Amino acid sequence: VCIFAPHPDDEVIGCGGLLQQLAANGNPIVIIHVTNGTQSHPNSTIYTQEKLNIIRPQETIKALEVLGLAHQVTSIALNLTDGDVFTQQDEFHQKLTAVIQSDDILITTFMLDGHPDHEVTGQVVTAFAKQHHLDCYQVLIWAWHWAKPADTRIPWHCAIRVDLTTEQLQRKRAAIACFESQIATDTSTGNPPILSTQTIARISQPWEVYLYE
């Protein structure tokens, strides 16, 4: 199962529960980081692009350890430019050809998720899946922050709910807390955390939702 994360943390925010279930079932898991999330803190002297290039992948490693998956997951970095994945779609597609195998199941971000990198990742991966006749699921992440109940912009008829146990949810919440760069106030700019308390609450429900067409 190949899980695409536009930025390090998306794999846990979106799929932290499913990751635990896949590992428990013995499924081989590959996490594919599209970018290293180096543009998350513009003008910061604490979280510069150079520092984030190191920090954010390290945070993912800590999060996977908390989930109990440190030795059960293979990670691949595509090293596309954060915030500019849209202009790199051809390179993205070429890299997929090199890493995806014929029996893989793909999980990507929702094509209308509300963040440019999330949306283009969803578009490229789903198009690749259709071209190569692979099963592909889209996970809702930022959509939880703009969607309304029964929002017609989301194809709910394709939705699949994955329920999490209490233990799985606790581990997911603890794993999200490992992304310190995303949950801390940037004192050098005064900017609030990327993941606010409210944001974390929304993505910490005892279920995850995937779209499968």
Protein backbone atom coordinates (compact mmCIF):
# COMPACT_ATOMS: atom_id res chain seq x y z
CA VAL A 1 0.00 0.00 0.00
CA CYS A 2 1.53 3.31 -1.12
CA ILE A 3 0.47 6.37 0.87
CA PHE A 4 1.23 9.74 -0.70
CA ALA A 5 1.98 12.67 1.61
CA PRO A 6 2.28 16.07 -0.11
CA HIS A 7 4.19 17.18 3.02
CA PRO A 8 5.64 15.24 5.96
CA ASP A 9 2.75 14.95 8.47
CA ASP A 10 -0.05 14.39 5.92
CA GLU A 11 0.42 10.63 6.09
CA VAL A 12 -0.26 10.69 9.85
CA ILE A 13 -2.92 13.42 9.87
CA GLY A 14 -4.87 11.66 7.14
CA CYS A 15 -4.02 8.00 7.60
CA GLY A 16 -2.58 7.55 11.10
CA GLY A 17 -5.28 5.07 12.01
CA LEU A 18 -5.27 3.18 8.73
CA LEU A 19 -1.48 2.88 8.89
CA GLN A 20 -1.78 1.00 12.18
CA GLN A 21 -4.46 -1.29 10.78
CA LEU A 22 -2.47 -2.06 7.62
CA ALA A 23 0.62 -2.91 9.66
CA ALA A 24 -1.41 -5.15 11.98
CA ASN A 25 -2.71 -6.99 8.90
CA GLY A 26 0.82 -7.49 7.60
CA ASN A 27 0.43 -5.24 4.56
CA PRO A 28 3.73 -3.86 3.19
CA ILE A 29 3.54 -0.06 3.45
CA VAL A 30 5.40 2.58 1.47
CA ILE A 31 5.07 6.26 2.39
CA ILE A 32 5.90 8.56 -0.50
CA HIS A 33 6.69 12.13 0.50
CA VAL A 34 6.06 14.37 -2.49
CA THR A 35 7.86 17.36 -0.90
CA ASN A 36 9.72 17.97 2.36
CA GLY A 37 7.37 20.79 3.37
CA THR A 38 10.08 23.44 3.43
CA GLN A 39 7.73 26.36 2.65
CA SER A 40 5.53 26.04 5.73
CA HIS A 41 7.10 29.03 7.57
CA PRO A 42 7.82 31.95 5.20
CA ASN A 43 10.27 34.56 6.55
CA SER A 44 10.96 32.52 9.68
CA THR A 45 14.43 32.58 11.22
CA ILE A 46 13.57 29.59 13.43
CA TYR A 47 12.13 27.38 10.72
CA THR A 48 14.12 28.28 7.63
CA GLN A 49 13.77 26.20 4.48
CA GLU A 50 17.16 24.61 5.14
CA LYS A 51 16.19 23.62 8.69
CA LEU A 52 12.74 22.38 7.68
CA ASN A 53 14.31 20.17 5.03
CA ILE A 54 15.85 18.25 7.92
CA ILE A 55 13.29 18.81 10.68
CA ARG A 56 10.12 17.71 8.91
CA PRO A 57 11.33 14.27 7.75
CA GLN A 58 12.73 13.73 11.26
CA GLU A 59 9.33 14.54 12.73
CA THR A 60 7.78 11.87 10.52
CA ILE A 61 10.28 9.30 11.81
CA LYS A 62 9.32 10.15 15.41
CA ALA A 63 5.62 9.95 14.56
CA LEU A 64 6.02 6.52 12.96
CA GLU A 65 7.88 5.34 16.07
CA VAL A 66 4.94 6.49 18.22
CA LEU A 67 2.58 4.57 15.94
CA GLY A 68 4.77 1.52 16.39
CA LEU A 69 5.64 1.42 12.71
CA ALA A 70 9.26 2.53 12.60
CA HIS A 71 10.47 -0.81 11.23
CA GLN A 72 7.40 -1.69 9.16
CA VAL A 73 7.32 1.23 6.75
CA THR A 74 9.47 2.12 3.76
CA SER A 75 9.78 5.84 3.00
CA ILE A 76 10.53 7.42 -0.36
CA ALA A 77 11.15 11.14 -0.90
CA LEU A 78 10.35 12.51 -4.36
CA ASN A 79 11.92 15.88 -3.44
CA LEU A 80 9.57 18.04 -5.46
CA THR A 81 9.37 21.72 -4.51
CA ASP A 82 6.93 22.51 -1.71
CA GLY A 83 4.16 24.84 -2.89
CA ASP A 84 5.04 24.31 -6.54
CA VAL A 85 4.00 20.73 -7.25
CA PHE A 86 1.53 21.96 -9.89
CA THR A 87 4.35 23.00 -12.24
CA GLN A 88 6.20 19.73 -11.66
CA GLN A 89 3.47 17.32 -12.71
CA ASP A 90 5.49 15.77 -15.54
CA GLU A 91 8.41 15.06 -13.22
CA PHE A 92 5.98 13.74 -10.61
CA HIS A 93 4.47 11.31 -13.13
CA GLN A 94 7.92 10.13 -14.24
CA LYS A 95 8.94 9.42 -10.66
CA LEU A 96 5.75 7.43 -10.10
CA THR A 97 6.65 5.23 -13.05
CA ALA A 98 9.93 4.44 -11.33
CA VAL A 99 8.52 3.55 -7.89
CA ILE A 100 4.98 2.16 -8.33
CA GLN A 101 4.52 -1.54 -9.00
CA SER A 102 1.72 -3.26 -10.86
CA ASP A 103 -0.08 -4.66 -7.79
CA ASP A 104 0.20 -1.58 -5.54
CA ILE A 105 -2.80 0.09 -3.89
CA LEU A 106 -2.51 3.88 -3.88
CA ILE A 107 -3.79 6.29 -1.23
CA THR A 108 -3.56 9.98 -2.00
CA THR A 109 -4.99 13.30 -0.89
CA PHE A 110 -8.40 14.48 -2.13
CA MET A 111 -8.34 16.24 -5.52
CA LEU A 112 -10.39 19.12 -4.05
CA ASP A 113 -8.83 19.10 -0.58
CA GLY A 114 -8.25 22.86 -0.42
CA HIS A 115 -4.44 23.03 -0.55
CA PRO A 116 -2.72 23.31 -3.96
CA ASP A 117 -0.13 20.61 -3.26
CA HIS A 118 -2.79 18.26 -1.86
CA GLU A 119 -5.01 18.78 -4.88
CA VAL A 120 -2.38 18.29 -7.55
CA THR A 121 -1.02 15.24 -5.71
CA GLY A 122 -4.52 13.78 -5.80
CA GLN A 123 -4.91 14.62 -9.47
CA VAL A 124 -1.58 13.15 -10.56
CA VAL A 125 -1.87 9.99 -8.48
CA THR A 126 -5.48 9.22 -9.44
CA ALA A 127 -4.70 9.81 -13.11
CA PHE A 128 -1.71 7.48 -12.83
CA ALA A 129 -3.87 4.87 -11.11
CA LYS A 130 -6.49 5.00 -13.85
CA GLN A 131 -3.84 4.78 -16.55
CA HIS A 132 -2.32 1.67 -14.95
CA HIS A 133 -5.57 0.14 -13.64
CA LEU A 134 -4.60 0.41 -9.97
CA ASP A 135 -6.93 0.77 -7.00
CA CYS A 136 -6.75 4.31 -5.63
CA TYR A 137 -8.29 5.93 -2.55
CA GLN A 138 -8.39 9.64 -1.72
CA VAL A 139 -8.22 10.76 1.91
CA LEU A 140 -9.89 13.90 3.24
CA ILE A 141 -7.57 16.20 5.23
CA TRP A 142 -8.06 19.95 4.79
CA ALA A 143 -11.57 19.35 3.48
CA TRP A 144 -12.68 18.92 7.12
CA HIS A 145 -11.89 22.59 7.70
CA TRP A 146 -14.00 24.08 4.89
CA ALA A 147 -16.70 21.52 4.15
CA LYS A 148 -20.24 21.82 5.47
CA PRO A 149 -22.48 18.88 6.45
CA ALA A 150 -23.53 17.02 3.29
CA ASP A 151 -21.30 19.37 1.24
CA THR A 152 -21.98 18.69 -2.44
CA ARG A 153 -18.34 19.41 -3.36
CA ILE A 154 -17.41 16.07 -1.80
CA PRO A 155 -18.63 12.84 -3.50
CA TRP A 156 -20.03 11.29 -0.32
CA HIS A 157 -21.53 8.40 -2.31
CA CYS A 158 -17.94 7.20 -2.77
CA ALA A 159 -16.99 7.62 0.89
CA ILE A 160 -15.68 4.80 3.07
CA ARG A 161 -15.36 5.30 6.83
CA VAL A 162 -12.54 3.56 8.66
CA ASP A 163 -13.28 3.36 12.38
CA LEU A 164 -10.39 3.56 14.83
CA THR A 165 -10.11 1.84 18.17
CA THR A 166 -9.48 3.94 21.26
CA GLU A 167 -5.85 2.81 21.29
CA GLN A 168 -5.36 3.58 17.60
CA LEU A 169 -6.80 7.07 18.08
CA GLN A 170 -4.60 7.71 21.11
CA ARG A 171 -1.53 6.71 19.14
CA LYS A 172 -2.58 8.87 16.21
CA ARG A 173 -3.00 11.90 18.48
CA ALA A 174 0.39 11.26 20.07
CA ALA A 175 1.94 10.93 16.62
CA ILE A 176 0.46 14.25 15.49
CA ALA A 177 2.09 15.85 18.53
CA CYS A 178 5.49 14.80 17.13
CA PHE A 179 5.22 17.43 14.39
CA GLU A 180 6.50 20.18 16.67
CA SER A 181 7.27 22.58 13.81
CA GLN A 182 3.61 22.52 12.84
CA ILE A 183 2.03 22.84 16.29
CA ALA A 184 4.28 25.54 17.78
CA THR A 185 3.93 29.33 17.48
CA ASP A 186 6.73 30.82 15.39
CA THR A 187 8.21 33.38 17.78
CA SER A 188 10.41 34.86 15.05
CA THR A 189 7.40 35.98 12.98
CA GLY A 190 4.57 35.88 15.51
CA ASN A 191 2.62 33.54 13.25
CA PRO A 192 0.31 31.01 14.94
CA PRO A 193 0.81 27.25 14.60
CA ILE A 194 0.09 25.70 11.21
CA LEU A 195 -1.99 23.09 13.05
CA SER A 196 -4.13 24.94 15.58
CA THR A 197 -5.85 23.26 18.52
CA GLN A 198 -9.12 23.39 16.58
CA THR A 199 -7.49 21.92 13.49
CA ILE A 200 -6.02 19.05 15.48
CA ALA A 201 -9.40 18.40 17.11
CA ARG A 202 -11.07 18.09 13.70
CA ILE A 203 -8.50 15.61 12.42
CA SER A 204 -8.53 13.58 15.64
CA GLN A 205 -11.94 11.98 15.26
CA PRO A 206 -12.30 8.23 15.91
CA TRP A 207 -12.58 7.60 12.17
CA GLU A 208 -10.95 8.44 8.85
CA VAL A 209 -12.79 8.93 5.55
CA TYR A 210 -11.56 7.78 2.16
CA LEU A 211 -13.09 8.22 -1.28
CA TYR A 212 -13.05 5.30 -3.69
CA GLU A 213 -14.50 5.48 -7.19
